[in-house]
Amino acid sequence: PLDWSGIDRRAVEETARRHRERIAVSSDKVPENE
């Protein structure tokens, strides 16, 4: 579950999927503020 072990990781998983897709096709760095 997205809240397992006392954390909400929903934003992490959604953002990680987006970043994964971005870096799979581009060599542009991901800004740390993202």
Full PDB file with SEQRES, HELIX, SHEET, SSBOND, CRYST1, ORIGX, SCALE, CONECT and MASTER records, all heavy atoms in Angstrom:
SEQRES   1 A   34  PRO LEU ASP TRP SER GLY ILE ASP ARG ARG ALA VAL GLU          
SEQRES   2 A   34  GLU THR ALA ARG ARG HIS ARG GLU ARG ILE ALA VAL SER          
SEQRES   3 A   34  SER ASP LYS VAL PRO GLU ASN GLU                              
HELIX    1 AA1 TRP A    4  GLY A    6  5                                   3    
HELIX    2 AA2 ARG A   10  VAL A   25  1                                  16    
CRYST1    1.000    1.000    1.000  90.00  90.00  90.00 P 1           1          
ORIGX1      1.000000  0.000000  0.000000        0.00000                         
ORIGX2      0.000000  1.000000  0.000000        0.00000                         
ORIGX3      0.000000  0.000000  1.000000        0.00000                         
SCALE1      1.000000  0.000000  0.000000        0.00000                         
SCALE2      0.000000  1.000000  0.000000        0.00000                         
SCALE3      0.000000  0.000000  1.000000        0.00000                         
ATOM      1  N   PRO A   1       0.844  -1.205   0.000  1.00  0.00           N  
ATOM      2  CA  PRO A   1       0.000   0.000   0.000  1.00  0.00           C  
ATOM      3  C   PRO A   1       0.879   1.255   0.000  1.00  0.00           C  
ATOM      4  O   PRO A   1       1.992   1.252   0.534  1.00  0.00           O  
ATOM      5  CB  PRO A   1      -0.779  -0.109   1.320  1.00  0.00           C  
ATOM      6  CG  PRO A   1      -0.716  -1.552   1.701  1.00  0.00           C  
ATOM      7  CD  PRO A   1       0.584  -2.072   1.143  1.00  0.00           C  
ATOM      8  N   LEU A   2       0.363   2.317  -0.593  1.00  0.00           N  
ATOM      9  CA  LEU A   2       1.141   3.554  -0.723  1.00  0.00           C  
ATOM     10  C   LEU A   2       1.462   4.213   0.613  1.00  0.00           C  
ATOM     11  O   LEU A   2       2.313   5.088   0.678  1.00  0.00           O  
ATOM     12  CB  LEU A   2       0.422   4.542  -1.641  1.00  0.00           C  
ATOM     13  CG  LEU A   2       0.420   4.137  -3.110  1.00  0.00           C  
ATOM     14  CD1 LEU A   2      -0.540   5.012  -3.903  1.00  0.00           C  
ATOM     15  CD2 LEU A   2       1.825   4.229  -3.693  1.00  0.00           C  
ATOM     16  N   ASP A   3       0.800   3.782   1.686  1.00  0.00           N  
ATOM     17  CA  ASP A   3       1.080   4.352   3.007  1.00  0.00           C  
ATOM     18  C   ASP A   3       1.731   3.330   3.937  1.00  0.00           C  
ATOM     19  O   ASP A   3       1.736   3.501   5.145  1.00  0.00           O  
ATOM     20  CB  ASP A   3      -0.193   4.912   3.636  1.00  0.00           C  
ATOM     21  CG  ASP A   3      -1.238   3.827   3.909  1.00  0.00           C  
ATOM     22  OD1 ASP A   3      -1.078   2.680   3.434  1.00  0.00           O  
ATOM     23  OD2 ASP A   3      -2.229   4.143   4.589  1.00  0.00           O  
ATOM     24  N   TRP A   4       2.316   2.302   3.382  1.00  0.00           N  
ATOM     25  CA  TRP A   4       2.898   1.238   4.199  1.00  0.00           C  
ATOM     26  C   TRP A   4       4.107   1.745   4.965  1.00  0.00           C  
ATOM     27  O   TRP A   4       4.891   2.541   4.453  1.00  0.00           O  
ATOM     28  CB  TRP A   4       3.282   0.055   3.305  1.00  0.00           C  
ATOM     29  CG  TRP A   4       3.332  -1.252   4.035  1.00  0.00           C  
ATOM     30  CD1 TRP A   4       2.268  -1.992   4.442  1.00  0.00           C  
ATOM     31  CD2 TRP A   4       4.501  -1.970   4.429  1.00  0.00           C  
ATOM     32  NE1 TRP A   4       2.699  -3.128   5.078  1.00  0.00           N  
ATOM     33  CE2 TRP A   4       4.064  -3.138   5.090  1.00  0.00           C  
ATOM     34  CE3 TRP A   4       5.854  -1.735   4.314  1.00  0.00           C  
ATOM     35  CZ2 TRP A   4       4.937  -4.074   5.614  1.00  0.00           C  
ATOM     36  CZ3 TRP A   4       6.727  -2.661   4.825  1.00  0.00           C  
ATOM     37  CH2 TRP A   4       6.274  -3.823   5.467  1.00  0.00           C  
ATOM     38  N   SER A   5       4.258   1.318   6.172  1.00  0.00           N  
ATOM     39  CA  SER A   5       5.377   1.651   7.055  1.00  0.00           C  
ATOM     40  C   SER A   5       5.396   3.118   7.476  1.00  0.00           C  
ATOM     41  O   SER A   5       6.436   3.673   7.790  1.00  0.00           O  
ATOM     42  CB  SER A   5       6.717   1.258   6.428  1.00  0.00           C  
ATOM     43  OG  SER A   5       7.700   1.088   7.411  1.00  0.00           O  
ATOM     44  N   GLY A   6       4.214   3.742   7.479  1.00  0.00           N  
ATOM     45  CA  GLY A   6       4.113   5.083   8.033  1.00  0.00           C  
ATOM     46  C   GLY A   6       4.550   6.221   7.136  1.00  0.00           C  
ATOM     47  O   GLY A   6       4.769   7.327   7.604  1.00  0.00           O  
ATOM     48  N   ILE A   7       4.691   5.937   5.842  1.00  0.00           N  
ATOM     49  CA  ILE A   7       5.032   7.004   4.901  1.00  0.00           C  
ATOM     50  C   ILE A   7       4.048   6.989   3.743  1.00  0.00           C  
ATOM     51  O   ILE A   7       3.491   5.954   3.400  1.00  0.00           O  
ATOM     52  CB  ILE A   7       6.474   6.872   4.339  1.00  0.00           C  
ATOM     53  CG1 ILE A   7       6.692   5.505   3.680  1.00  0.00           C  
ATOM     54  CG2 ILE A   7       7.503   7.156   5.408  1.00  0.00           C  
ATOM     55  CD1 ILE A   7       7.989   5.374   2.921  1.00  0.00           C  
ATOM     56  N   ASP A   8       3.837   8.149   3.165  1.00  0.00           N  
ATOM     57  CA  ASP A   8       3.069   8.260   1.930  1.00  0.00           C  
ATOM     58  C   ASP A   8       4.099   8.437   0.826  1.00  0.00           C  
ATOM     59  O   ASP A   8       4.832   9.423   0.795  1.00  0.00           O  
ATOM     60  CB  ASP A   8       2.131   9.467   2.010  1.00  0.00           C  
ATOM     61  CG  ASP A   8       1.311   9.665   0.743  1.00  0.00           C  
ATOM     62  OD1 ASP A   8       1.618   9.046  -0.298  1.00  0.00           O  
ATOM     63  OD2 ASP A   8       0.362  10.467   0.786  1.00  0.00           O  
ATOM     64  N   ARG A   9       4.194   7.447  -0.044  1.00  0.00           N  
ATOM     65  CA  ARG A   9       5.185   7.513  -1.118  1.00  0.00           C  
ATOM     66  C   ARG A   9       4.546   7.748  -2.483  1.00  0.00           C  
ATOM     67  O   ARG A   9       5.170   7.583  -3.526  1.00  0.00           O  
ATOM     68  CB  ARG A   9       6.070   6.274  -1.117  1.00  0.00           C  
ATOM     69  CG  ARG A   9       5.391   4.983  -1.201  1.00  0.00           C  
ATOM     70  CD  ARG A   9       6.351   3.790  -1.238  1.00  0.00           C  
ATOM     71  NE  ARG A   9       5.739   2.737  -1.991  1.00  0.00           N  
ATOM     72  CZ  ARG A   9       4.772   1.947  -1.529  1.00  0.00           C  
ATOM     73  NH1 ARG A   9       4.345   2.078  -0.290  1.00  0.00           N  
ATOM     74  NH2 ARG A   9       4.241   1.030  -2.308  1.00  0.00           N  
ATOM     75  N   ARG A  10       3.287   8.175  -2.474  1.00  0.00           N  
ATOM     76  CA  ARG A  10       2.550   8.416  -3.719  1.00  0.00           C  
ATOM     77  C   ARG A  10       3.311   9.378  -4.636  1.00  0.00           C  
ATOM     78  O   ARG A  10       3.545   9.080  -5.803  1.00  0.00           O  
ATOM     79  CB  ARG A  10       1.162   8.965  -3.381  1.00  0.00           C  
ATOM     80  CG  ARG A  10       0.248   9.158  -4.549  1.00  0.00           C  
ATOM     81  CD  ARG A  10      -1.174   9.513  -4.102  1.00  0.00           C  
ATOM     82  NE  ARG A  10      -1.805   8.346  -3.490  1.00  0.00           N  
ATOM     83  CZ  ARG A  10      -2.070   8.213  -2.186  1.00  0.00           C  
ATOM     84  NH1 ARG A  10      -1.763   9.177  -1.345  1.00  0.00           N  
ATOM     85  NH2 ARG A  10      -2.639   7.133  -1.718  1.00  0.00           N  
ATOM     86  N   ALA A  11       3.721  10.530  -4.120  1.00  0.00           N  
ATOM     87  CA  ALA A  11       4.426  11.525  -4.934  1.00  0.00           C  
ATOM     88  C   ALA A  11       5.764  10.979  -5.426  1.00  0.00           C  
ATOM     89  O   ALA A  11       6.166  11.249  -6.562  1.00  0.00           O  
ATOM     90  CB  ALA A  11       4.637  12.814  -4.145  1.00  0.00           C  
ATOM     91  N   VAL A  12       6.428  10.204  -4.589  1.00  0.00           N  
ATOM     92  CA  VAL A  12       7.718   9.632  -4.990  1.00  0.00           C  
ATOM     93  C   VAL A  12       7.527   8.696  -6.171  1.00  0.00           C  
ATOM     94  O   VAL A  12       8.258   8.762  -7.159  1.00  0.00           O  
ATOM     95  CB  VAL A  12       8.402   8.908  -3.808  1.00  0.00           C  
ATOM     96  CG1 VAL A  12       9.581   8.073  -4.284  1.00  0.00           C  
ATOM     97  CG2 VAL A  12       8.857   9.922  -2.775  1.00  0.00           C  
ATOM     98  N   GLU A  13       6.539   7.836  -6.100  1.00  0.00           N  
ATOM     99  CA  GLU A  13       6.339   6.875  -7.180  1.00  0.00           C  
ATOM    100  C   GLU A  13       5.881   7.553  -8.464  1.00  0.00           C  
ATOM    101  O   GLU A  13       6.372   7.230  -9.545  1.00  0.00           O  
ATOM    102  CB  GLU A  13       5.384   5.778  -6.740  1.00  0.00           C  
ATOM    103  CG  GLU A  13       6.018   4.876  -5.699  1.00  0.00           C  
ATOM    104  CD  GLU A  13       5.221   3.616  -5.434  1.00  0.00           C  
ATOM    105  OE1 GLU A  13       4.472   3.164  -6.326  1.00  0.00           O  
ATOM    106  OE2 GLU A  13       5.364   3.071  -4.325  1.00  0.00           O  
ATOM    107  N   GLU A  14       4.965   8.504  -8.356  1.00  0.00           N  
ATOM    108  CA  GLU A  14       4.501   9.221  -9.555  1.00  0.00           C  
ATOM    109  C   GLU A  14       5.649   9.983 -10.206  1.00  0.00           C  
ATOM    110  O   GLU A  14       5.833   9.936 -11.429  1.00  0.00           O  
ATOM    111  CB  GLU A  14       3.365  10.179  -9.188  1.00  0.00           C  
ATOM    112  CG  GLU A  14       2.078   9.486  -8.841  1.00  0.00           C  
ATOM    113  CD  GLU A  14       1.020  10.439  -8.292  1.00  0.00           C  
ATOM    114  OE1 GLU A  14       1.266  11.670  -8.225  1.00  0.00           O  
ATOM    115  OE2 GLU A  14      -0.056   9.945  -7.906  1.00  0.00           O  
ATOM    116  N   THR A  15       6.429  10.677  -9.399  1.00  0.00           N  
ATOM    117  CA  THR A  15       7.543  11.469  -9.930  1.00  0.00           C  
ATOM    118  C   THR A  15       8.641  10.556 -10.469  1.00  0.00           C  
ATOM    119  O   THR A  15       9.223  10.840 -11.516  1.00  0.00           O  
ATOM    120  CB  THR A  15       8.093  12.409  -8.844  1.00  0.00           C  
ATOM    121  OG1 THR A  15       7.018  13.201  -8.341  1.00  0.00           O  
ATOM    122  CG2 THR A  15       9.173  13.316  -9.395  1.00  0.00           C  
ATOM    123  N   ALA A  16       8.917   9.472  -9.787  1.00  0.00           N  
ATOM    124  CA  ALA A  16       9.940   8.534 -10.255  1.00  0.00           C  
ATOM    125  C   ALA A  16       9.561   7.962 -11.625  1.00  0.00           C  
ATOM    126  O   ALA A  16      10.422   7.816 -12.501  1.00  0.00           O  
ATOM    127  CB  ALA A  16      10.142   7.414  -9.246  1.00  0.00           C  
ATOM    128  N   ARG A  17       8.284   7.651 -11.832  1.00  0.00           N  
ATOM    129  CA  ARG A  17       7.850   7.150 -13.146  1.00  0.00           C  
ATOM    130  C   ARG A  17       8.079   8.210 -14.232  1.00  0.00           C  
ATOM    131  O   ARG A  17       8.539   7.903 -15.321  1.00  0.00           O  
ATOM    132  CB  ARG A  17       6.384   6.738 -13.099  1.00  0.00           C  
ATOM    133  CG  ARG A  17       6.144   5.416 -12.443  1.00  0.00           C  
ATOM    134  CD  ARG A  17       4.674   4.970 -12.551  1.00  0.00           C  
ATOM    135  NE  ARG A  17       4.474   3.816 -11.721  1.00  0.00           N  
ATOM    136  CZ  ARG A  17       4.165   3.847 -10.428  1.00  0.00           C  
ATOM    137  NH1 ARG A  17       4.014   5.004  -9.807  1.00  0.00           N  
ATOM    138  NH2 ARG A  17       4.011   2.743  -9.738  1.00  0.00           N  
ATOM    139  N   ARG A  18       7.722   9.444 -13.916  1.00  0.00           N  
ATOM    140  CA  ARG A  18       7.933  10.544 -14.873  1.00  0.00           C  
ATOM    141  C   ARG A  18       9.415  10.731 -15.171  1.00  0.00           C  
ATOM    142  O   ARG A  18       9.816  10.869 -16.333  1.00  0.00           O  
ATOM    143  CB  ARG A  18       7.348  11.841 -14.304  1.00  0.00           C  
ATOM    144  CG  ARG A  18       6.147  12.321 -15.001  1.00  0.00           C  
ATOM    145  CD  ARG A  18       5.666  13.705 -14.637  1.00  0.00           C  
ATOM    146  NE  ARG A  18       6.264  14.402 -13.520  1.00  0.00           N  
ATOM    147  CZ  ARG A  18       5.815  14.364 -12.263  1.00  0.00           C  
ATOM    148  NH1 ARG A  18       4.766  13.645 -11.942  1.00  0.00           N  
ATOM    149  NH2 ARG A  18       6.410  15.048 -11.321  1.00  0.00           N  
ATOM    150  N   HIS A  19      10.239  10.738 -14.121  1.00  0.00           N  
ATOM    151  CA  HIS A  19      11.677  10.916 -14.313  1.00  0.00           C  
ATOM    152  C   HIS A  19      12.269   9.734 -15.082  1.00  0.00           C  
ATOM    153  O   HIS A  19      13.139   9.915 -15.931  1.00  0.00           O  
ATOM    154  CB  HIS A  19      12.390  11.103 -12.973  1.00  0.00           C  
ATOM    155  CG  HIS A  19      12.119  12.434 -12.369  1.00  0.00           C  
ATOM    156  ND1 HIS A  19      12.193  12.668 -11.028  1.00  0.00           N  
ATOM    157  CD2 HIS A  19      11.764  13.623 -12.932  1.00  0.00           C  
ATOM    158  CE1 HIS A  19      11.903  13.939 -10.785  1.00  0.00           C  
ATOM    159  NE2 HIS A  19      11.640  14.530 -11.920  1.00  0.00           N  
ATOM    160  N   ARG A  20      11.802   8.544 -14.800  1.00  0.00           N  
ATOM    161  CA  ARG A  20      12.286   7.358 -15.514  1.00  0.00           C  
ATOM    162  C   ARG A  20      12.017   7.498 -17.014  1.00  0.00           C  
ATOM    163  O   ARG A  20      12.883   7.238 -17.839  1.00  0.00           O  
ATOM    164  CB  ARG A  20      11.588   6.111 -14.947  1.00  0.00           C  
ATOM    165  CG  ARG A  20      12.094   4.814 -15.561  1.00  0.00           C  
ATOM    166  CD  ARG A  20      11.014   4.229 -16.470  1.00  0.00           C  
ATOM    167  NE  ARG A  20      11.442   2.978 -17.023  1.00  0.00           N  
ATOM    168  CZ  ARG A  20      11.783   2.807 -18.299  1.00  0.00           C  
ATOM    169  NH1 ARG A  20      11.778   3.818 -19.147  1.00  0.00           N  
ATOM    170  NH2 ARG A  20      12.148   1.627 -18.746  1.00  0.00           N  
ATOM    171  N   GLU A  21      10.803   7.932 -17.374  1.00  0.00           N  
ATOM    172  CA  GLU A  21      10.459   8.104 -18.788  1.00  0.00           C  
ATOM    173  C   GLU A  21      11.301   9.210 -19.424  1.00  0.00           C  
ATOM    174  O   GLU A  21      11.764   9.075 -20.545  1.00  0.00           O  
ATOM    175  CB  GLU A  21       8.963   8.396 -18.947  1.00  0.00           C  
ATOM    176  CG  GLU A  21       8.076   7.222 -18.581  1.00  0.00           C  
ATOM    177  CD  GLU A  21       8.424   5.953 -19.339  1.00  0.00           C  
ATOM    178  OE1 GLU A  21       8.631   6.005 -20.565  1.00  0.00           O  
ATOM    179  OE2 GLU A  21       8.516   4.890 -18.684  1.00  0.00           O  
ATOM    180  N   ARG A  22      11.512  10.292 -18.696  1.00  0.00           N  
ATOM    181  CA  ARG A  22      12.282  11.419 -19.214  1.00  0.00           C  
ATOM    182  C   ARG A  22      13.728  11.019 -19.499  1.00  0.00           C  
ATOM    183  O   ARG A  22      14.249  11.295 -20.566  1.00  0.00           O  
ATOM    184  CB  ARG A  22      12.251  12.572 -18.218  1.00  0.00           C  
ATOM    185  CG  ARG A  22      13.104  13.765 -18.651  1.00  0.00           C  
ATOM    186  CD  ARG A  22      13.410  14.654 -17.473  1.00  0.00           C  
ATOM    187  NE  ARG A  22      12.618  15.841 -17.458  1.00  0.00           N  
ATOM    188  CZ  ARG A  22      12.557  16.674 -16.425  1.00  0.00           C  
ATOM    189  NH1 ARG A  22      13.206  16.421 -15.324  1.00  0.00           N  
ATOM    190  NH2 ARG A  22      11.856  17.766 -16.484  1.00  0.00           N  
ATOM    191  N   ILE A  23      14.373  10.371 -18.537  1.00  0.00           N  
ATOM    192  CA  ILE A  23      15.791  10.058 -18.714  1.00  0.00           C  
ATOM    193  C   ILE A  23      16.012   8.885 -19.662  1.00  0.00           C  
ATOM    194  O   ILE A  23      17.111   8.717 -20.182  1.00  0.00           O  
ATOM    195  CB  ILE A  23      16.500   9.801 -17.368  1.00  0.00           C  
ATOM    196  CG1 ILE A  23      15.950   8.567 -16.675  1.00  0.00           C  
ATOM    197  CG2 ILE A  23      16.426  11.047 -16.486  1.00  0.00           C  
ATOM    198  CD1 ILE A  23      16.685   8.161 -15.418  1.00  0.00           C  
ATOM    199  N   ALA A  24      14.968   8.105 -19.918  1.00  0.00           N  
ATOM    200  CA  ALA A  24      15.092   7.001 -20.872  1.00  0.00           C  
ATOM    201  C   ALA A  24      15.247   7.524 -22.298  1.00  0.00           C  
ATOM    202  O   ALA A  24      15.820   6.842 -23.150  1.00  0.00           O  
ATOM    203  CB  ALA A  24      13.884   6.072 -20.780  1.00  0.00           C  
ATOM    204  N   VAL A  25      14.763   8.737 -22.558  1.00  0.00           N  
ATOM    205  CA  VAL A  25      14.815   9.289 -23.914  1.00  0.00           C  
ATOM    206  C   VAL A  25      15.657  10.550 -24.042  1.00  0.00           C  
ATOM    207  O   VAL A  25      15.850  11.055 -25.144  1.00  0.00           O  
ATOM    208  CB  VAL A  25      13.389   9.577 -24.444  1.00  0.00           C  
ATOM    209  CG1 VAL A  25      12.589   8.296 -24.533  1.00  0.00           C  
ATOM    210  CG2 VAL A  25      12.676  10.616 -23.597  1.00  0.00           C  
ATOM    211  N   SER A  26      16.159  11.073 -22.924  1.00  0.00           N  
ATOM    212  CA  SER A  26      16.893  12.338 -22.963  1.00  0.00           C  
ATOM    213  C   SER A  26      18.075  12.289 -22.004  1.00  0.00           C  
ATOM    214  O   SER A  26      18.021  11.635 -20.972  1.00  0.00           O  
ATOM    215  CB  SER A  26      15.953  13.483 -22.566  1.00  0.00           C  
ATOM    216  OG  SER A  26      16.668  14.676 -22.392  1.00  0.00           O  
ATOM    217  N   SER A  27      19.102  13.006 -22.342  1.00  0.00           N  
ATOM    218  CA  SER A  27      20.258  13.096 -21.444  1.00  0.00           C  
ATOM    219  C   SER A  27      20.235  14.399 -20.642  1.00  0.00           C  
ATOM    220  O   SER A  27      21.227  14.756 -20.017  1.00  0.00           O  
ATOM    221  CB  SER A  27      21.558  12.984 -22.243  1.00  0.00           C  
ATOM    222  OG  SER A  27      21.634  14.041 -23.183  1.00  0.00           O  
ATOM    223  N   ASP A  28      19.101  15.090 -20.660  1.00  0.00           N  
ATOM    224  CA  ASP A  28      18.967  16.321 -19.883  1.00  0.00           C  
ATOM    225  C   ASP A  28      18.895  15.995 -18.400  1.00  0.00           C  
ATOM    226  O   ASP A  28      18.172  15.090 -17.989  1.00  0.00           O  
ATOM    227  CB  ASP A  28      17.696  17.080 -20.283  1.00  0.00           C  
ATOM    228  CG  ASP A  28      17.764  17.609 -21.700  1.00  0.00           C  
ATOM    229  OD1 ASP A  28      18.883  17.723 -22.244  1.00  0.00           O  
ATOM    230  OD2 ASP A  28      16.691  17.896 -22.266  1.00  0.00           O  
ATOM    231  N   LYS A  29      19.622  16.740 -17.604  1.00  0.00           N  
ATOM    232  CA  LYS A  29      19.606  16.539 -16.150  1.00  0.00           C  
ATOM    233  C   LYS A  29      18.237  16.886 -15.582  1.00  0.00           C  
ATOM    234  O   LYS A  29      17.540  17.753 -16.086  1.00  0.00           O  
ATOM    235  CB  LYS A  29      20.670  17.409 -15.484  1.00  0.00           C  
ATOM    236  CG  LYS A  29      22.059  16.829 -15.597  1.00  0.00           C  
ATOM    237  CD  LYS A  29      22.814  17.156 -14.341  1.00  0.00           C  
ATOM    238  CE  LYS A  29      23.922  16.151 -14.196  1.00  0.00           C  
ATOM    239  NZ  LYS A  29      24.178  15.775 -12.867  1.00  0.00           N  
ATOM    240  N   VAL A  30      17.893  16.207 -14.525  1.00  0.00           N  
ATOM    241  CA  VAL A  30      16.663  16.497 -13.788  1.00  0.00           C  
ATOM    242  C   VAL A  30      17.027  17.495 -12.695  1.00  0.00           C  
ATOM    243  O   VAL A  30      17.885  17.210 -11.860  1.00  0.00           O  
ATOM    244  CB  VAL A  30      16.077  15.208 -13.163  1.00  0.00           C  
ATOM    245  CG1 VAL A  30      14.874  15.533 -12.303  1.00  0.00           C  
ATOM    246  CG2 VAL A  30      15.731  14.193 -14.248  1.00  0.00           C  
ATOM    247  N   PRO A  31      16.400  18.666 -12.686  1.00  0.00           N  
ATOM    248  CA  PRO A  31      16.709  19.646 -11.642  1.00  0.00           C  
ATOM    249  C   PRO A  31      16.347  19.102 -10.257  1.00  0.00           C  
ATOM    250  O   PRO A  31      15.321  18.452 -10.082  1.00  0.00           O  
ATOM    251  CB  PRO A  31      15.825  20.846 -11.997  1.00  0.00           C  
ATOM    252  CG  PRO A  31      15.366  20.632 -13.390  1.00  0.00           C  
ATOM    253  CD  PRO A  31      15.410  19.160 -13.634  1.00  0.00           C  
ATOM    254  N   GLU A  32      17.201  19.383  -9.276  1.00  0.00           N  
ATOM    255  CA  GLU A  32      16.958  18.879  -7.928  1.00  0.00           C  
ATOM    256  C   GLU A  32      15.651  19.379  -7.345  1.00  0.00           C  
ATOM    257  O   GLU A  32      15.047  18.701  -6.512  1.00  0.00           O  
ATOM    258  CB  GLU A  32      18.124  19.215  -6.998  1.00  0.00           C  
ATOM    259  CG  GLU A  32      19.296  18.294  -7.207  1.00  0.00           C  
ATOM    260  CD  GLU A  32      20.288  18.319  -6.058  1.00  0.00           C  
ATOM    261  OE1 GLU A  32      19.845  18.330  -4.888  1.00  0.00           O  
ATOM    262  OE2 GLU A  32      21.479  18.322  -6.332  1.00  0.00           O  
ATOM    263  N   ASN A  33      15.174  20.535  -7.776  1.00  0.00           N  
ATOM    264  CA  ASN A  33      13.904  21.028  -7.226  1.00  0.00           C  
ATOM    265  C   ASN A  33      12.711  20.197  -7.699  1.00  0.00           C  
ATOM    266  O   ASN A  33      11.605  20.386  -7.234  1.00  0.00           O  
ATOM    267  CB  ASN A  33      13.696  22.512  -7.530  1.00  0.00           C  
ATOM    268  CG  ASN A  33      13.511  22.797  -9.008  1.00  0.00           C  
ATOM    269  OD1 ASN A  33      13.713  21.956  -9.868  1.00  0.00           O  
ATOM    270  ND2 ASN A  33      13.130  24.024  -9.300  1.00  0.00           N  
ATOM    271  N   GLU A  34      12.947  19.247  -8.616  1.00  0.00           N  
ATOM    272  CA  GLU A  34      11.894  18.327  -9.057  1.00  0.00           C  
ATOM    273  C   GLU A  34      11.928  16.999  -8.302  1.00  0.00           C  
ATOM    274  O   GLU A  34      11.052  16.166  -8.493  1.00  0.00           O  
ATOM    275  CB  GLU A  34      12.018  18.040 -10.556  1.00  0.00           C  
ATOM    276  CG  GLU A  34      11.687  19.194 -11.445  1.00  0.00           C  
ATOM    277  CD  GLU A  34      11.711  18.807 -12.922  1.00  0.00           C  
ATOM    278  OE1 GLU A  34      11.634  17.601 -13.244  1.00  0.00           O  
ATOM    279  OE2 GLU A  34      11.812  19.727 -13.744  1.00  0.00           O  
TER     280      GLU A  34                                                      
MASTER        0    0    0    2    0    0    0    6  279    1    0    3          
END                                                                             
